[in-house]
Amino acid sequence: WILRQPGVTAPIFGTTKLEHLDDA
């Protein structure tokens, strides 16, 4: 959803697990 918003370049996401990074 946020990647689709006009003007958004790159959301900054944090992660503590490899599977969460793969999800992103």
PDBML (XML) file of the C-alpha atoms, coordinates in Angstrom:
<?xml version="1.0" encoding="UTF-8" ?>
<PDBx:datablock datablockName="MODEL"
   xmlns:PDBx="http://pdbml.pdb.org/schema/pdbx-v50.xsd"
   xmlns:xsi="http://www.w3.org/2001/XMLSchema-instance"
   xsi:schemaLocation="http://pdbml.pdb.org/schema/pdbx-v50.xsd pdbx-v50.xsd">
   <PDBx:atom_siteCategory>
      <PDBx:atom_site id="1">
         <PDBx:B_iso_or_equiv>0.00</PDBx:B_iso_or_equiv>
         <PDBx:Cartn_x>0.000</PDBx:Cartn_x>
         <PDBx:Cartn_y>0.000</PDBx:Cartn_y>
         <PDBx:Cartn_z>0.000</PDBx:Cartn_z>
         <PDBx:auth_asym_id>A</PDBx:auth_asym_id>
         <PDBx:auth_atom_id>CA</PDBx:auth_atom_id>
         <PDBx:auth_comp_id>TRP</PDBx:auth_comp_id>
         <PDBx:auth_seq_id>1</PDBx:auth_seq_id>
         <PDBx:group_PDB>ATOM</PDBx:group_PDB>
         <PDBx:label_alt_id xsi:nil="true" />
         <PDBx:label_asym_id>A</PDBx:label_asym_id>
         <PDBx:label_atom_id>CA</PDBx:label_atom_id>
         <PDBx:label_comp_id>TRP</PDBx:label_comp_id>
         <PDBx:label_entity_id>1</PDBx:label_entity_id>
         <PDBx:label_seq_id>1</PDBx:label_seq_id>
         <PDBx:occupancy>1.00</PDBx:occupancy>
         <PDBx:pdbx_PDB_model_num>1</PDBx:pdbx_PDB_model_num>
         <PDBx:type_symbol>C</PDBx:type_symbol>
      </PDBx:atom_site>
      <PDBx:atom_site id="2">
         <PDBx:B_iso_or_equiv>0.00</PDBx:B_iso_or_equiv>
         <PDBx:Cartn_x>2.656</PDBx:Cartn_x>
         <PDBx:Cartn_y>2.543</PDBx:Cartn_y>
         <PDBx:Cartn_z>0.969</PDBx:Cartn_z>
         <PDBx:auth_asym_id>A</PDBx:auth_asym_id>
         <PDBx:auth_atom_id>CA</PDBx:auth_atom_id>
         <PDBx:auth_comp_id>ILE</PDBx:auth_comp_id>
         <PDBx:auth_seq_id>2</PDBx:auth_seq_id>
         <PDBx:group_PDB>ATOM</PDBx:group_PDB>
         <PDBx:label_alt_id xsi:nil="true" />
         <PDBx:label_asym_id>A</PDBx:label_asym_id>
         <PDBx:label_atom_id>CA</PDBx:label_atom_id>
         <PDBx:label_comp_id>ILE</PDBx:label_comp_id>
         <PDBx:label_entity_id>1</PDBx:label_entity_id>
         <PDBx:label_seq_id>2</PDBx:label_seq_id>
         <PDBx:occupancy>1.00</PDBx:occupancy>
         <PDBx:pdbx_PDB_model_num>1</PDBx:pdbx_PDB_model_num>
         <PDBx:type_symbol>C</PDBx:type_symbol>
      </PDBx:atom_site>
      <PDBx:atom_site id="3">
         <PDBx:B_iso_or_equiv>0.00</PDBx:B_iso_or_equiv>
         <PDBx:Cartn_x>4.780</PDBx:Cartn_x>
         <PDBx:Cartn_y>1.745</PDBx:Cartn_y>
         <PDBx:Cartn_z>-2.091</PDBx:Cartn_z>
         <PDBx:auth_asym_id>A</PDBx:auth_asym_id>
         <PDBx:auth_atom_id>CA</PDBx:auth_atom_id>
         <PDBx:auth_comp_id>LEU</PDBx:auth_comp_id>
         <PDBx:auth_seq_id>3</PDBx:auth_seq_id>
         <PDBx:group_PDB>ATOM</PDBx:group_PDB>
         <PDBx:label_alt_id xsi:nil="true" />
         <PDBx:label_asym_id>A</PDBx:label_asym_id>
         <PDBx:label_atom_id>CA</PDBx:label_atom_id>
         <PDBx:label_comp_id>LEU</PDBx:label_comp_id>
         <PDBx:label_entity_id>1</PDBx:label_entity_id>
         <PDBx:label_seq_id>3</PDBx:label_seq_id>
         <PDBx:occupancy>1.00</PDBx:occupancy>
         <PDBx:pdbx_PDB_model_num>1</PDBx:pdbx_PDB_model_num>
         <PDBx:type_symbol>C</PDBx:type_symbol>
      </PDBx:atom_site>
      <PDBx:atom_site id="4">
         <PDBx:B_iso_or_equiv>0.00</PDBx:B_iso_or_equiv>
         <PDBx:Cartn_x>1.766</PDBx:Cartn_x>
         <PDBx:Cartn_y>2.671</PDBx:Cartn_y>
         <PDBx:Cartn_z>-4.203</PDBx:Cartn_z>
         <PDBx:auth_asym_id>A</PDBx:auth_asym_id>
         <PDBx:auth_atom_id>CA</PDBx:auth_atom_id>
         <PDBx:auth_comp_id>ARG</PDBx:auth_comp_id>
         <PDBx:auth_seq_id>4</PDBx:auth_seq_id>
         <PDBx:group_PDB>ATOM</PDBx:group_PDB>
         <PDBx:label_alt_id xsi:nil="true" />
         <PDBx:label_asym_id>A</PDBx:label_asym_id>
         <PDBx:label_atom_id>CA</PDBx:label_atom_id>
         <PDBx:label_comp_id>ARG</PDBx:label_comp_id>
         <PDBx:label_entity_id>1</PDBx:label_entity_id>
         <PDBx:label_seq_id>4</PDBx:label_seq_id>
         <PDBx:occupancy>1.00</PDBx:occupancy>
         <PDBx:pdbx_PDB_model_num>1</PDBx:pdbx_PDB_model_num>
         <PDBx:type_symbol>C</PDBx:type_symbol>
      </PDBx:atom_site>
      <PDBx:atom_site id="5">
         <PDBx:B_iso_or_equiv>0.00</PDBx:B_iso_or_equiv>
         <PDBx:Cartn_x>1.347</PDBx:Cartn_x>
         <PDBx:Cartn_y>6.133</PDBx:Cartn_y>
         <PDBx:Cartn_z>-2.646</PDBx:Cartn_z>
         <PDBx:auth_asym_id>A</PDBx:auth_asym_id>
         <PDBx:auth_atom_id>CA</PDBx:auth_atom_id>
         <PDBx:auth_comp_id>GLN</PDBx:auth_comp_id>
         <PDBx:auth_seq_id>5</PDBx:auth_seq_id>
         <PDBx:group_PDB>ATOM</PDBx:group_PDB>
         <PDBx:label_alt_id xsi:nil="true" />
         <PDBx:label_asym_id>A</PDBx:label_asym_id>
         <PDBx:label_atom_id>CA</PDBx:label_atom_id>
         <PDBx:label_comp_id>GLN</PDBx:label_comp_id>
         <PDBx:label_entity_id>1</PDBx:label_entity_id>
         <PDBx:label_seq_id>5</PDBx:label_seq_id>
         <PDBx:occupancy>1.00</PDBx:occupancy>
         <PDBx:pdbx_PDB_model_num>1</PDBx:pdbx_PDB_model_num>
         <PDBx:type_symbol>C</PDBx:type_symbol>
      </PDBx:atom_site>
      <PDBx:atom_site id="6">
         <PDBx:B_iso_or_equiv>0.00</PDBx:B_iso_or_equiv>
         <PDBx:Cartn_x>2.330</PDBx:Cartn_x>
         <PDBx:Cartn_y>9.058</PDBx:Cartn_y>
         <PDBx:Cartn_z>-4.905</PDBx:Cartn_z>
         <PDBx:auth_asym_id>A</PDBx:auth_asym_id>
         <PDBx:auth_atom_id>CA</PDBx:auth_atom_id>
         <PDBx:auth_comp_id>PRO</PDBx:auth_comp_id>
         <PDBx:auth_seq_id>6</PDBx:auth_seq_id>
         <PDBx:group_PDB>ATOM</PDBx:group_PDB>
         <PDBx:label_alt_id xsi:nil="true" />
         <PDBx:label_asym_id>A</PDBx:label_asym_id>
         <PDBx:label_atom_id>CA</PDBx:label_atom_id>
         <PDBx:label_comp_id>PRO</PDBx:label_comp_id>
         <PDBx:label_entity_id>1</PDBx:label_entity_id>
         <PDBx:label_seq_id>6</PDBx:label_seq_id>
         <PDBx:occupancy>1.00</PDBx:occupancy>
         <PDBx:pdbx_PDB_model_num>1</PDBx:pdbx_PDB_model_num>
         <PDBx:type_symbol>C</PDBx:type_symbol>
      </PDBx:atom_site>
      <PDBx:atom_site id="7">
         <PDBx:B_iso_or_equiv>0.00</PDBx:B_iso_or_equiv>
         <PDBx:Cartn_x>5.736</PDBx:Cartn_x>
         <PDBx:Cartn_y>10.508</PDBx:Cartn_y>
         <PDBx:Cartn_z>-4.134</PDBx:Cartn_z>
         <PDBx:auth_asym_id>A</PDBx:auth_asym_id>
         <PDBx:auth_atom_id>CA</PDBx:auth_atom_id>
         <PDBx:auth_comp_id>GLY</PDBx:auth_comp_id>
         <PDBx:auth_seq_id>7</PDBx:auth_seq_id>
         <PDBx:group_PDB>ATOM</PDBx:group_PDB>
         <PDBx:label_alt_id xsi:nil="true" />
         <PDBx:label_asym_id>A</PDBx:label_asym_id>
         <PDBx:label_atom_id>CA</PDBx:label_atom_id>
         <PDBx:label_comp_id>GLY</PDBx:label_comp_id>
         <PDBx:label_entity_id>1</PDBx:label_entity_id>
         <PDBx:label_seq_id>7</PDBx:label_seq_id>
         <PDBx:occupancy>1.00</PDBx:occupancy>
         <PDBx:pdbx_PDB_model_num>1</PDBx:pdbx_PDB_model_num>
         <PDBx:type_symbol>C</PDBx:type_symbol>
      </PDBx:atom_site>
      <PDBx:atom_site id="8">
         <PDBx:B_iso_or_equiv>0.00</PDBx:B_iso_or_equiv>
         <PDBx:Cartn_x>6.965</PDBx:Cartn_x>
         <PDBx:Cartn_y>7.699</PDBx:Cartn_y>
         <PDBx:Cartn_z>-1.874</PDBx:Cartn_z>
         <PDBx:auth_asym_id>A</PDBx:auth_asym_id>
         <PDBx:auth_atom_id>CA</PDBx:auth_atom_id>
         <PDBx:auth_comp_id>VAL</PDBx:auth_comp_id>
         <PDBx:auth_seq_id>8</PDBx:auth_seq_id>
         <PDBx:group_PDB>ATOM</PDBx:group_PDB>
         <PDBx:label_alt_id xsi:nil="true" />
         <PDBx:label_asym_id>A</PDBx:label_asym_id>
         <PDBx:label_atom_id>CA</PDBx:label_atom_id>
         <PDBx:label_comp_id>VAL</PDBx:label_comp_id>
         <PDBx:label_entity_id>1</PDBx:label_entity_id>
         <PDBx:label_seq_id>8</PDBx:label_seq_id>
         <PDBx:occupancy>1.00</PDBx:occupancy>
         <PDBx:pdbx_PDB_model_num>1</PDBx:pdbx_PDB_model_num>
         <PDBx:type_symbol>C</PDBx:type_symbol>
      </PDBx:atom_site>
      <PDBx:atom_site id="9">
         <PDBx:B_iso_or_equiv>0.00</PDBx:B_iso_or_equiv>
         <PDBx:Cartn_x>10.516</PDBx:Cartn_x>
         <PDBx:Cartn_y>6.747</PDBx:Cartn_y>
         <PDBx:Cartn_z>-2.862</PDBx:Cartn_z>
         <PDBx:auth_asym_id>A</PDBx:auth_asym_id>
         <PDBx:auth_atom_id>CA</PDBx:auth_atom_id>
         <PDBx:auth_comp_id>THR</PDBx:auth_comp_id>
         <PDBx:auth_seq_id>9</PDBx:auth_seq_id>
         <PDBx:group_PDB>ATOM</PDBx:group_PDB>
         <PDBx:label_alt_id xsi:nil="true" />
         <PDBx:label_asym_id>A</PDBx:label_asym_id>
         <PDBx:label_atom_id>CA</PDBx:label_atom_id>
         <PDBx:label_comp_id>THR</PDBx:label_comp_id>
         <PDBx:label_entity_id>1</PDBx:label_entity_id>
         <PDBx:label_seq_id>9</PDBx:label_seq_id>
         <PDBx:occupancy>1.00</PDBx:occupancy>
         <PDBx:pdbx_PDB_model_num>1</PDBx:pdbx_PDB_model_num>
         <PDBx:type_symbol>C</PDBx:type_symbol>
      </PDBx:atom_site>
      <PDBx:atom_site id="10">
         <PDBx:B_iso_or_equiv>0.00</PDBx:B_iso_or_equiv>
         <PDBx:Cartn_x>11.574</PDBx:Cartn_x>
         <PDBx:Cartn_y>4.034</PDBx:Cartn_y>
         <PDBx:Cartn_z>-0.412</PDBx:Cartn_z>
         <PDBx:auth_asym_id>A</PDBx:auth_asym_id>
         <PDBx:auth_atom_id>CA</PDBx:auth_atom_id>
         <PDBx:auth_comp_id>ALA</PDBx:auth_comp_id>
         <PDBx:auth_seq_id>10</PDBx:auth_seq_id>
         <PDBx:group_PDB>ATOM</PDBx:group_PDB>
         <PDBx:label_alt_id xsi:nil="true" />
         <PDBx:label_asym_id>A</PDBx:label_asym_id>
         <PDBx:label_atom_id>CA</PDBx:label_atom_id>
         <PDBx:label_comp_id>ALA</PDBx:label_comp_id>
         <PDBx:label_entity_id>1</PDBx:label_entity_id>
         <PDBx:label_seq_id>10</PDBx:label_seq_id>
         <PDBx:occupancy>1.00</PDBx:occupancy>
         <PDBx:pdbx_PDB_model_num>1</PDBx:pdbx_PDB_model_num>
         <PDBx:type_symbol>C</PDBx:type_symbol>
      </PDBx:atom_site>
      <PDBx:atom_site id="11">
         <PDBx:B_iso_or_equiv>0.00</PDBx:B_iso_or_equiv>
         <PDBx:Cartn_x>9.919</PDBx:Cartn_x>
         <PDBx:Cartn_y>3.086</PDBx:Cartn_y>
         <PDBx:Cartn_z>2.894</PDBx:Cartn_z>
         <PDBx:auth_asym_id>A</PDBx:auth_asym_id>
         <PDBx:auth_atom_id>CA</PDBx:auth_atom_id>
         <PDBx:auth_comp_id>PRO</PDBx:auth_comp_id>
         <PDBx:auth_seq_id>11</PDBx:auth_seq_id>
         <PDBx:group_PDB>ATOM</PDBx:group_PDB>
         <PDBx:label_alt_id xsi:nil="true" />
         <PDBx:label_asym_id>A</PDBx:label_asym_id>
         <PDBx:label_atom_id>CA</PDBx:label_atom_id>
         <PDBx:label_comp_id>PRO</PDBx:label_comp_id>
         <PDBx:label_entity_id>1</PDBx:label_entity_id>
         <PDBx:label_seq_id>11</PDBx:label_seq_id>
         <PDBx:occupancy>1.00</PDBx:occupancy>
         <PDBx:pdbx_PDB_model_num>1</PDBx:pdbx_PDB_model_num>
         <PDBx:type_symbol>C</PDBx:type_symbol>
      </PDBx:atom_site>
      <PDBx:atom_site id="12">
         <PDBx:B_iso_or_equiv>0.00</PDBx:B_iso_or_equiv>
         <PDBx:Cartn_x>12.417</PDBx:Cartn_x>
         <PDBx:Cartn_y>2.481</PDBx:Cartn_y>
         <PDBx:Cartn_z>5.708</PDBx:Cartn_z>
         <PDBx:auth_asym_id>A</PDBx:auth_asym_id>
         <PDBx:auth_atom_id>CA</PDBx:auth_atom_id>
         <PDBx:auth_comp_id>ILE</PDBx:auth_comp_id>
         <PDBx:auth_seq_id>12</PDBx:auth_seq_id>
         <PDBx:group_PDB>ATOM</PDBx:group_PDB>
         <PDBx:label_alt_id xsi:nil="true" />
         <PDBx:label_asym_id>A</PDBx:label_asym_id>
         <PDBx:label_atom_id>CA</PDBx:label_atom_id>
         <PDBx:label_comp_id>ILE</PDBx:label_comp_id>
         <PDBx:label_entity_id>1</PDBx:label_entity_id>
         <PDBx:label_seq_id>12</PDBx:label_seq_id>
         <PDBx:occupancy>1.00</PDBx:occupancy>
         <PDBx:pdbx_PDB_model_num>1</PDBx:pdbx_PDB_model_num>
         <PDBx:type_symbol>C</PDBx:type_symbol>
      </PDBx:atom_site>
      <PDBx:atom_site id="13">
         <PDBx:B_iso_or_equiv>0.00</PDBx:B_iso_or_equiv>
         <PDBx:Cartn_x>11.590</PDBx:Cartn_x>
         <PDBx:Cartn_y>-0.855</PDBx:Cartn_y>
         <PDBx:Cartn_z>7.305</PDBx:Cartn_z>
         <PDBx:auth_asym_id>A</PDBx:auth_asym_id>
         <PDBx:auth_atom_id>CA</PDBx:auth_atom_id>
         <PDBx:auth_comp_id>PHE</PDBx:auth_comp_id>
         <PDBx:auth_seq_id>13</PDBx:auth_seq_id>
         <PDBx:group_PDB>ATOM</PDBx:group_PDB>
         <PDBx:label_alt_id xsi:nil="true" />
         <PDBx:label_asym_id>A</PDBx:label_asym_id>
         <PDBx:label_atom_id>CA</PDBx:label_atom_id>
         <PDBx:label_comp_id>PHE</PDBx:label_comp_id>
         <PDBx:label_entity_id>1</PDBx:label_entity_id>
         <PDBx:label_seq_id>13</PDBx:label_seq_id>
         <PDBx:occupancy>1.00</PDBx:occupancy>
         <PDBx:pdbx_PDB_model_num>1</PDBx:pdbx_PDB_model_num>
         <PDBx:type_symbol>C</PDBx:type_symbol>
      </PDBx:atom_site>
      <PDBx:atom_site id="14">
         <PDBx:B_iso_or_equiv>0.00</PDBx:B_iso_or_equiv>
         <PDBx:Cartn_x>13.237</PDBx:Cartn_x>
         <PDBx:Cartn_y>-2.549</PDBx:Cartn_y>
         <PDBx:Cartn_z>10.259</PDBx:Cartn_z>
         <PDBx:auth_asym_id>A</PDBx:auth_asym_id>
         <PDBx:auth_atom_id>CA</PDBx:auth_atom_id>
         <PDBx:auth_comp_id>GLY</PDBx:auth_comp_id>
         <PDBx:auth_seq_id>14</PDBx:auth_seq_id>
         <PDBx:group_PDB>ATOM</PDBx:group_PDB>
         <PDBx:label_alt_id xsi:nil="true" />
         <PDBx:label_asym_id>A</PDBx:label_asym_id>
         <PDBx:label_atom_id>CA</PDBx:label_atom_id>
         <PDBx:label_comp_id>GLY</PDBx:label_comp_id>
         <PDBx:label_entity_id>1</PDBx:label_entity_id>
         <PDBx:label_seq_id>14</PDBx:label_seq_id>
         <PDBx:occupancy>1.00</PDBx:occupancy>
         <PDBx:pdbx_PDB_model_num>1</PDBx:pdbx_PDB_model_num>
         <PDBx:type_symbol>C</PDBx:type_symbol>
      </PDBx:atom_site>
      <PDBx:atom_site id="15">
         <PDBx:B_iso_or_equiv>0.00</PDBx:B_iso_or_equiv>
         <PDBx:Cartn_x>13.494</PDBx:Cartn_x>
         <PDBx:Cartn_y>-6.263</PDBx:Cartn_y>
         <PDBx:Cartn_z>10.840</PDBx:Cartn_z>
         <PDBx:auth_asym_id>A</PDBx:auth_asym_id>
         <PDBx:auth_atom_id>CA</PDBx:auth_atom_id>
         <PDBx:auth_comp_id>THR</PDBx:auth_comp_id>
         <PDBx:auth_seq_id>15</PDBx:auth_seq_id>
         <PDBx:group_PDB>ATOM</PDBx:group_PDB>
         <PDBx:label_alt_id xsi:nil="true" />
         <PDBx:label_asym_id>A</PDBx:label_asym_id>
         <PDBx:label_atom_id>CA</PDBx:label_atom_id>
         <PDBx:label_comp_id>THR</PDBx:label_comp_id>
         <PDBx:label_entity_id>1</PDBx:label_entity_id>
         <PDBx:label_seq_id>15</PDBx:label_seq_id>
         <PDBx:occupancy>1.00</PDBx:occupancy>
         <PDBx:pdbx_PDB_model_num>1</PDBx:pdbx_PDB_model_num>
         <PDBx:type_symbol>C</PDBx:type_symbol>
      </PDBx:atom_site>
      <PDBx:atom_site id="16">
         <PDBx:B_iso_or_equiv>0.00</PDBx:B_iso_or_equiv>
         <PDBx:Cartn_x>14.678</PDBx:Cartn_x>
         <PDBx:Cartn_y>-8.759</PDBx:Cartn_y>
         <PDBx:Cartn_z>13.448</PDBx:Cartn_z>
         <PDBx:auth_asym_id>A</PDBx:auth_asym_id>
         <PDBx:auth_atom_id>CA</PDBx:auth_atom_id>
         <PDBx:auth_comp_id>THR</PDBx:auth_comp_id>
         <PDBx:auth_seq_id>16</PDBx:auth_seq_id>
         <PDBx:group_PDB>ATOM</PDBx:group_PDB>
         <PDBx:label_alt_id xsi:nil="true" />
         <PDBx:label_asym_id>A</PDBx:label_asym_id>
         <PDBx:label_atom_id>CA</PDBx:label_atom_id>
         <PDBx:label_comp_id>THR</PDBx:label_comp_id>
         <PDBx:label_entity_id>1</PDBx:label_entity_id>
         <PDBx:label_seq_id>16</PDBx:label_seq_id>
         <PDBx:occupancy>1.00</PDBx:occupancy>
         <PDBx:pdbx_PDB_model_num>1</PDBx:pdbx_PDB_model_num>
         <PDBx:type_symbol>C</PDBx:type_symbol>
      </PDBx:atom_site>
      <PDBx:atom_site id="17">
         <PDBx:B_iso_or_equiv>0.00</PDBx:B_iso_or_equiv>
         <PDBx:Cartn_x>14.105</PDBx:Cartn_x>
         <PDBx:Cartn_y>-11.960</PDBx:Cartn_y>
         <PDBx:Cartn_z>11.452</PDBx:Cartn_z>
         <PDBx:auth_asym_id>A</PDBx:auth_asym_id>
         <PDBx:auth_atom_id>CA</PDBx:auth_atom_id>
         <PDBx:auth_comp_id>LYS</PDBx:auth_comp_id>
         <PDBx:auth_seq_id>17</PDBx:auth_seq_id>
         <PDBx:group_PDB>ATOM</PDBx:group_PDB>
         <PDBx:label_alt_id xsi:nil="true" />
         <PDBx:label_asym_id>A</PDBx:label_asym_id>
         <PDBx:label_atom_id>CA</PDBx:label_atom_id>
         <PDBx:label_comp_id>LYS</PDBx:label_comp_id>
         <PDBx:label_entity_id>1</PDBx:label_entity_id>
         <PDBx:label_seq_id>17</PDBx:label_seq_id>
         <PDBx:occupancy>1.00</PDBx:occupancy>
         <PDBx:pdbx_PDB_model_num>1</PDBx:pdbx_PDB_model_num>
         <PDBx:type_symbol>C</PDBx:type_symbol>
      </PDBx:atom_site>
      <PDBx:atom_site id="18">
         <PDBx:B_iso_or_equiv>0.00</PDBx:B_iso_or_equiv>
         <PDBx:Cartn_x>15.209</PDBx:Cartn_x>
         <PDBx:Cartn_y>-13.161</PDBx:Cartn_y>
         <PDBx:Cartn_z>8.014</PDBx:Cartn_z>
         <PDBx:auth_asym_id>A</PDBx:auth_asym_id>
         <PDBx:auth_atom_id>CA</PDBx:auth_atom_id>
         <PDBx:auth_comp_id>LEU</PDBx:auth_comp_id>
         <PDBx:auth_seq_id>18</PDBx:auth_seq_id>
         <PDBx:group_PDB>ATOM</PDBx:group_PDB>
         <PDBx:label_alt_id xsi:nil="true" />
         <PDBx:label_asym_id>A</PDBx:label_asym_id>
         <PDBx:label_atom_id>CA</PDBx:label_atom_id>
         <PDBx:label_comp_id>LEU</PDBx:label_comp_id>
         <PDBx:label_entity_id>1</PDBx:label_entity_id>
         <PDBx:label_seq_id>18</PDBx:label_seq_id>
         <PDBx:occupancy>1.00</PDBx:occupancy>
         <PDBx:pdbx_PDB_model_num>1</PDBx:pdbx_PDB_model_num>
         <PDBx:type_symbol>C</PDBx:type_symbol>
      </PDBx:atom_site>
      <PDBx:atom_site id="19">
         <PDBx:B_iso_or_equiv>0.00</PDBx:B_iso_or_equiv>
         <PDBx:Cartn_x>11.664</PDBx:Cartn_x>
         <PDBx:Cartn_y>-14.155</PDBx:Cartn_y>
         <PDBx:Cartn_z>7.078</PDBx:Cartn_z>
         <PDBx:auth_asym_id>A</PDBx:auth_asym_id>
         <PDBx:auth_atom_id>CA</PDBx:auth_atom_id>
         <PDBx:auth_comp_id>GLU</PDBx:auth_comp_id>
         <PDBx:auth_seq_id>19</PDBx:auth_seq_id>
         <PDBx:group_PDB>ATOM</PDBx:group_PDB>
         <PDBx:label_alt_id xsi:nil="true" />
         <PDBx:label_asym_id>A</PDBx:label_asym_id>
         <PDBx:label_atom_id>CA</PDBx:label_atom_id>
         <PDBx:label_comp_id>GLU</PDBx:label_comp_id>
         <PDBx:label_entity_id>1</PDBx:label_entity_id>
         <PDBx:label_seq_id>19</PDBx:label_seq_id>
         <PDBx:occupancy>1.00</PDBx:occupancy>
         <PDBx:pdbx_PDB_model_num>1</PDBx:pdbx_PDB_model_num>
         <PDBx:type_symbol>C</PDBx:type_symbol>
      </PDBx:atom_site>
      <PDBx:atom_site id="20">
         <PDBx:B_iso_or_equiv>0.00</PDBx:B_iso_or_equiv>
         <PDBx:Cartn_x>10.434</PDBx:Cartn_x>
         <PDBx:Cartn_y>-10.639</PDBx:Cartn_y>
         <PDBx:Cartn_z>7.811</PDBx:Cartn_z>
         <PDBx:auth_asym_id>A</PDBx:auth_asym_id>
         <PDBx:auth_atom_id>CA</PDBx:auth_atom_id>
         <PDBx:auth_comp_id>HIS</PDBx:auth_comp_id>
         <PDBx:auth_seq_id>20</PDBx:auth_seq_id>
         <PDBx:group_PDB>ATOM</PDBx:group_PDB>
         <PDBx:label_alt_id xsi:nil="true" />
         <PDBx:label_asym_id>A</PDBx:label_asym_id>
         <PDBx:label_atom_id>CA</PDBx:label_atom_id>
         <PDBx:label_comp_id>HIS</PDBx:label_comp_id>
         <PDBx:label_entity_id>1</PDBx:label_entity_id>
         <PDBx:label_seq_id>20</PDBx:label_seq_id>
         <PDBx:occupancy>1.00</PDBx:occupancy>
         <PDBx:pdbx_PDB_model_num>1</PDBx:pdbx_PDB_model_num>
         <PDBx:type_symbol>C</PDBx:type_symbol>
      </PDBx:atom_site>
      <PDBx:atom_site id="21">
         <PDBx:B_iso_or_equiv>0.00</PDBx:B_iso_or_equiv>
         <PDBx:Cartn_x>13.090</PDBx:Cartn_x>
         <PDBx:Cartn_y>-9.220</PDBx:Cartn_y>
         <PDBx:Cartn_z>5.499</PDBx:Cartn_z>
         <PDBx:auth_asym_id>A</PDBx:auth_asym_id>
         <PDBx:auth_atom_id>CA</PDBx:auth_atom_id>
         <PDBx:auth_comp_id>LEU</PDBx:auth_comp_id>
         <PDBx:auth_seq_id>21</PDBx:auth_seq_id>
         <PDBx:group_PDB>ATOM</PDBx:group_PDB>
         <PDBx:label_alt_id xsi:nil="true" />
         <PDBx:label_asym_id>A</PDBx:label_asym_id>
         <PDBx:label_atom_id>CA</PDBx:label_atom_id>
         <PDBx:label_comp_id>LEU</PDBx:label_comp_id>
         <PDBx:label_entity_id>1</PDBx:label_entity_id>
         <PDBx:label_seq_id>21</PDBx:label_seq_id>
         <PDBx:occupancy>1.00</PDBx:occupancy>
         <PDBx:pdbx_PDB_model_num>1</PDBx:pdbx_PDB_model_num>
         <PDBx:type_symbol>C</PDBx:type_symbol>
      </PDBx:atom_site>
      <PDBx:atom_site id="22">
         <PDBx:B_iso_or_equiv>0.00</PDBx:B_iso_or_equiv>
         <PDBx:Cartn_x>12.061</PDBx:Cartn_x>
         <PDBx:Cartn_y>-11.666</PDBx:Cartn_y>
         <PDBx:Cartn_z>2.782</PDBx:Cartn_z>
         <PDBx:auth_asym_id>A</PDBx:auth_asym_id>
         <PDBx:auth_atom_id>CA</PDBx:auth_atom_id>
         <PDBx:auth_comp_id>ASP</PDBx:auth_comp_id>
         <PDBx:auth_seq_id>22</PDBx:auth_seq_id>
         <PDBx:group_PDB>ATOM</PDBx:group_PDB>
         <PDBx:label_alt_id xsi:nil="true" />
         <PDBx:label_asym_id>A</PDBx:label_asym_id>
         <PDBx:label_atom_id>CA</PDBx:label_atom_id>
         <PDBx:label_comp_id>ASP</PDBx:label_comp_id>
         <PDBx:label_entity_id>1</PDBx:label_entity_id>
         <PDBx:label_seq_id>22</PDBx:label_seq_id>
         <PDBx:occupancy>1.00</PDBx:occupancy>
         <PDBx:pdbx_PDB_model_num>1</PDBx:pdbx_PDB_model_num>
         <PDBx:type_symbol>C</PDBx:type_symbol>
      </PDBx:atom_site>
      <PDBx:atom_site id="23">
         <PDBx:B_iso_or_equiv>0.00</PDBx:B_iso_or_equiv>
         <PDBx:Cartn_x>8.432</PDBx:Cartn_x>
         <PDBx:Cartn_y>-10.598</PDBx:Cartn_y>
         <PDBx:Cartn_z>3.314</PDBx:Cartn_z>
         <PDBx:auth_asym_id>A</PDBx:auth_asym_id>
         <PDBx:auth_atom_id>CA</PDBx:auth_atom_id>
         <PDBx:auth_comp_id>ASP</PDBx:auth_comp_id>
         <PDBx:auth_seq_id>23</PDBx:auth_seq_id>
         <PDBx:group_PDB>ATOM</PDBx:group_PDB>
         <PDBx:label_alt_id xsi:nil="true" />
         <PDBx:label_asym_id>A</PDBx:label_asym_id>
         <PDBx:label_atom_id>CA</PDBx:label_atom_id>
         <PDBx:label_comp_id>ASP</PDBx:label_comp_id>
         <PDBx:label_entity_id>1</PDBx:label_entity_id>
         <PDBx:label_seq_id>23</PDBx:label_seq_id>
         <PDBx:occupancy>1.00</PDBx:occupancy>
         <PDBx:pdbx_PDB_model_num>1</PDBx:pdbx_PDB_model_num>
         <PDBx:type_symbol>C</PDBx:type_symbol>
      </PDBx:atom_site>
      <PDBx:atom_site id="24">
         <PDBx:B_iso_or_equiv>0.00</PDBx:B_iso_or_equiv>
         <PDBx:Cartn_x>9.385</PDBx:Cartn_x>
         <PDBx:Cartn_y>-6.970</PDBx:Cartn_y>
         <PDBx:Cartn_z>2.749</PDBx:Cartn_z>
         <PDBx:auth_asym_id>A</PDBx:auth_asym_id>
         <PDBx:auth_atom_id>CA</PDBx:auth_atom_id>
         <PDBx:auth_comp_id>ALA</PDBx:auth_comp_id>
         <PDBx:auth_seq_id>24</PDBx:auth_seq_id>
         <PDBx:group_PDB>ATOM</PDBx:group_PDB>
         <PDBx:label_alt_id xsi:nil="true" />
         <PDBx:label_asym_id>A</PDBx:label_asym_id>
         <PDBx:label_atom_id>CA</PDBx:label_atom_id>
         <PDBx:label_comp_id>ALA</PDBx:label_comp_id>
         <PDBx:label_entity_id>1</PDBx:label_entity_id>
         <PDBx:label_seq_id>24</PDBx:label_seq_id>
         <PDBx:occupancy>1.00</PDBx:occupancy>
         <PDBx:pdbx_PDB_model_num>1</PDBx:pdbx_PDB_model_num>
         <PDBx:type_symbol>C</PDBx:type_symbol>
      </PDBx:atom_site>
   </PDBx:atom_siteCategory>
</PDBx:datablock>
